[in-house]
Protein backbone atom coordinates (compact mmCIF):
# COMPACT_ATOMS: atom_id res chain seq x y z
CA MET A 1 0.01 -10.02 -87.57
CA ARG A 2 -3.87 -10.68 -86.81
CA ILE A 3 -5.11 -12.05 -83.73
CA ASN A 4 -7.98 -14.50 -83.58
CA ARG A 5 -11.18 -14.25 -81.28
CA TYR A 6 -12.48 -17.29 -79.74
CA THR A 7 -15.25 -18.37 -77.54
CA VAL A 8 -15.57 -22.40 -76.14
CA LYS A 9 -19.10 -24.29 -76.36
CA LEU A 10 -19.64 -27.10 -74.14
CA VAL A 11 -22.76 -27.88 -76.91
CA LYS A 12 -25.21 -31.06 -76.18
CA GLU A 13 -25.69 -33.10 -79.04
CA GLU A 14 -28.69 -35.66 -77.36
CA GLY A 15 -30.17 -36.57 -74.29
CA ILE A 16 -31.52 -39.28 -72.97
CA ASN A 17 -33.91 -40.19 -70.02
CA TYR A 18 -32.21 -42.88 -68.01
CA LYS A 19 -34.28 -43.44 -64.09
CA LEU A 20 -30.85 -43.71 -62.05
CA GLU A 21 -32.18 -46.96 -59.25
CA ASP A 22 -29.65 -44.51 -56.79
CA ASP A 23 -28.91 -41.00 -55.88
CA VAL A 24 -24.87 -42.39 -56.28
CA ILE A 25 -23.35 -43.86 -59.13
CA SER A 26 -21.98 -46.98 -57.95
CA PRO A 27 -20.15 -49.13 -60.51
CA TYR A 28 -22.75 -50.85 -61.73
CA THR A 29 -25.00 -47.70 -62.26
CA ALA A 30 -22.43 -46.25 -64.32
CA TRP A 31 -22.05 -49.45 -66.42
CA LYS A 32 -25.39 -49.87 -66.75
CA VAL A 33 -25.81 -45.83 -68.39
CA ILE A 34 -22.78 -46.45 -70.24
CA GLU A 35 -24.82 -49.44 -72.12
CA ARG A 36 -27.39 -47.67 -72.53
CA VAL A 37 -25.70 -44.45 -73.93
CA PHE A 38 -23.32 -46.25 -75.75
CA GLU A 39 -23.62 -50.07 -76.21
CA LEU A 40 -20.76 -50.43 -76.17
CA SER A 41 -19.82 -53.70 -74.53
CA SER A 42 -21.03 -54.92 -79.07
CA SER A 43 -18.09 -52.20 -80.57
CA PRO A 44 -15.60 -53.53 -83.17
CA VAL A 45 -13.36 -50.89 -81.99
CA GLU A 46 -11.75 -49.39 -79.05
CA LYS A 47 -13.57 -46.25 -77.49
CA LEU A 48 -12.47 -44.41 -74.28
CA GLY A 49 -14.64 -41.39 -72.82
CA ILE A 50 -15.83 -40.72 -69.78
CA ILE A 51 -18.79 -39.10 -67.33
CA ALA A 52 -18.53 -36.47 -65.98
CA LEU A 53 -20.07 -35.58 -62.32
CA ASN A 54 -21.34 -32.60 -61.10
CA THR A 55 -20.61 -31.96 -57.28
CA GLN A 56 -23.19 -33.69 -55.82
CA ASN A 57 -22.09 -36.69 -57.65
CA LYS A 58 -24.72 -36.09 -60.61
CA ILE A 59 -23.99 -36.64 -64.03
CA ALA A 60 -23.18 -33.58 -66.04
CA GLY A 61 -22.19 -35.07 -69.18
CA LEU A 62 -21.37 -38.02 -71.04
CA HIS A 63 -18.64 -37.99 -73.68
CA ILE A 64 -16.76 -40.14 -75.92
CA ILE A 65 -13.10 -38.80 -76.59
CA VAL A 66 -11.23 -41.04 -78.27
CA VAL A 67 -11.98 -44.04 -80.81
CA GLY A 68 -9.27 -46.30 -81.66
CA GLY A 69 -8.39 -49.53 -83.14
CA LEU A 70 -9.20 -53.23 -83.14
CA ASN A 71 -7.29 -52.72 -79.31
CA LYS A 72 -5.91 -49.94 -79.09
CA ALA A 73 -6.05 -45.73 -78.44
CA PHE A 74 -3.79 -43.38 -79.37
CA VAL A 75 -4.94 -41.31 -75.74
CA GLU A 76 -3.87 -38.25 -75.02
CA LEU A 77 -4.09 -36.41 -70.87
CA ARG A 78 -4.99 -33.29 -72.21
CA SER A 79 -7.80 -34.91 -74.43
CA ILE A 80 -9.67 -36.51 -71.80
CA PHE A 81 -9.53 -33.29 -68.89
CA GLN A 82 -11.09 -30.52 -71.38
CA PRO A 83 -14.92 -32.49 -71.48
CA ALA A 84 -14.13 -32.49 -67.67
CA LEU A 85 -13.46 -29.00 -67.66
CA LEU A 86 -16.34 -27.81 -69.66
CA ASN A 87 -18.71 -29.48 -68.04
CA ASN A 88 -16.78 -28.26 -64.90
CA ALA A 89 -17.12 -31.44 -63.01
CA ALA A 90 -15.96 -31.89 -60.14
CA SER A 91 -14.58 -35.80 -60.60
CA ILE A 92 -15.48 -38.51 -63.70
CA ILE A 93 -15.63 -42.24 -64.12
CA LEU A 94 -12.98 -43.17 -66.87
CA PHE A 95 -14.21 -45.90 -68.75
CA HIS A 96 -13.80 -47.90 -72.68
CA ASN A 97 -14.63 -51.64 -74.18
CA HIS A 98 -12.20 -54.25 -75.24
CA PRO A 99 -13.65 -55.18 -78.61
CA SER A 100 -12.10 -58.75 -77.60
CA GLY A 101 -14.77 -59.08 -75.19
CA SER A 102 -12.38 -60.19 -72.44
CA THR A 103 -12.56 -56.94 -69.44
CA LYS A 104 -9.31 -58.36 -67.45
CA PRO A 105 -7.03 -54.68 -67.60
CA SER A 106 -4.12 -54.50 -68.67
CA LYS A 107 -0.45 -53.06 -68.10
CA GLU A 108 -1.18 -49.90 -69.97
CA ASP A 109 -5.34 -49.76 -68.40
CA ILE A 110 -3.67 -49.46 -65.29
CA SER A 111 -0.61 -47.15 -66.17
CA LEU A 112 -3.18 -44.67 -67.43
CA THR A 113 -5.21 -44.92 -64.41
CA GLY A 114 -2.57 -43.61 -62.60
CA LYS A 115 -0.94 -41.17 -64.28
CA LEU A 116 -5.09 -39.82 -65.45
CA TYR A 117 -5.41 -39.23 -61.42
CA GLU A 118 -2.11 -37.45 -60.85
CA ALA A 119 -3.47 -35.44 -62.73
CA GLY A 120 -7.10 -35.44 -61.57
CA GLN A 121 -5.05 -34.38 -57.84
CA LEU A 122 -3.77 -30.93 -60.31
CA LEU A 123 -6.65 -29.76 -61.55
CA GLY A 124 -10.07 -30.92 -59.28
CA ILE A 125 -11.34 -33.19 -60.31
CA GLN A 126 -11.42 -36.26 -59.01
CA ILE A 127 -10.26 -39.78 -60.46
CA LEU A 128 -13.72 -42.17 -58.78
CA ASP A 129 -13.05 -45.10 -60.67
CA HIS A 130 -12.05 -46.61 -64.52
CA ILE A 131 -15.23 -49.65 -66.42
CA ILE A 132 -13.59 -51.06 -68.29
CA VAL A 133 -16.66 -53.39 -70.26
CA GLY A 134 -16.51 -56.23 -72.16
CA GLU A 135 -19.18 -59.38 -73.66
CA GLU A 136 -18.31 -60.27 -70.49
CA GLY A 137 -19.96 -57.80 -68.38
CA TYR A 138 -17.26 -55.01 -66.53
CA ILE A 139 -14.50 -54.37 -63.59
CA SER A 140 -13.94 -51.81 -61.81
CA LEU A 141 -10.74 -51.06 -61.47
CA LYS A 142 -11.38 -48.89 -57.42
CA ASP A 143 -13.00 -52.16 -56.82
CA ALA A 144 -10.45 -55.03 -57.87
CA GLY A 145 -8.24 -51.82 -55.66
CA LEU A 146 -5.96 -51.71 -59.68
CA PHE A 147 -5.12 -47.71 -58.45
């Protein structure tokens, strides 16, 4: 029998200079960062990712985790938390876009957020918000009282 030895690494792809207006990351600030880095409002396919935050709520990393199709992206709960764990994140902000341009959350968006919130509780990683990006701007599920 052969036993393989592995090393898990987090590899920085690039860095972007960006001055945050506040020390605390608000839904508006999160949306501005997401747009600056990923330009999700103009993406023709759905993409889901996270902003990983350290214990001081400073951005530790940005990750696109799933690239889907025109109106759907298949998400495994564990795939959300892998980069968060590698970033030693204390909390995360979920985000995804709607290629249709609408920011209205679907039942699936709300359900997924609830499941991730529960999973995060078990892992000790708090879900602070879920931002949906569209041509109209964004919506914060937390501000909307949807989780």
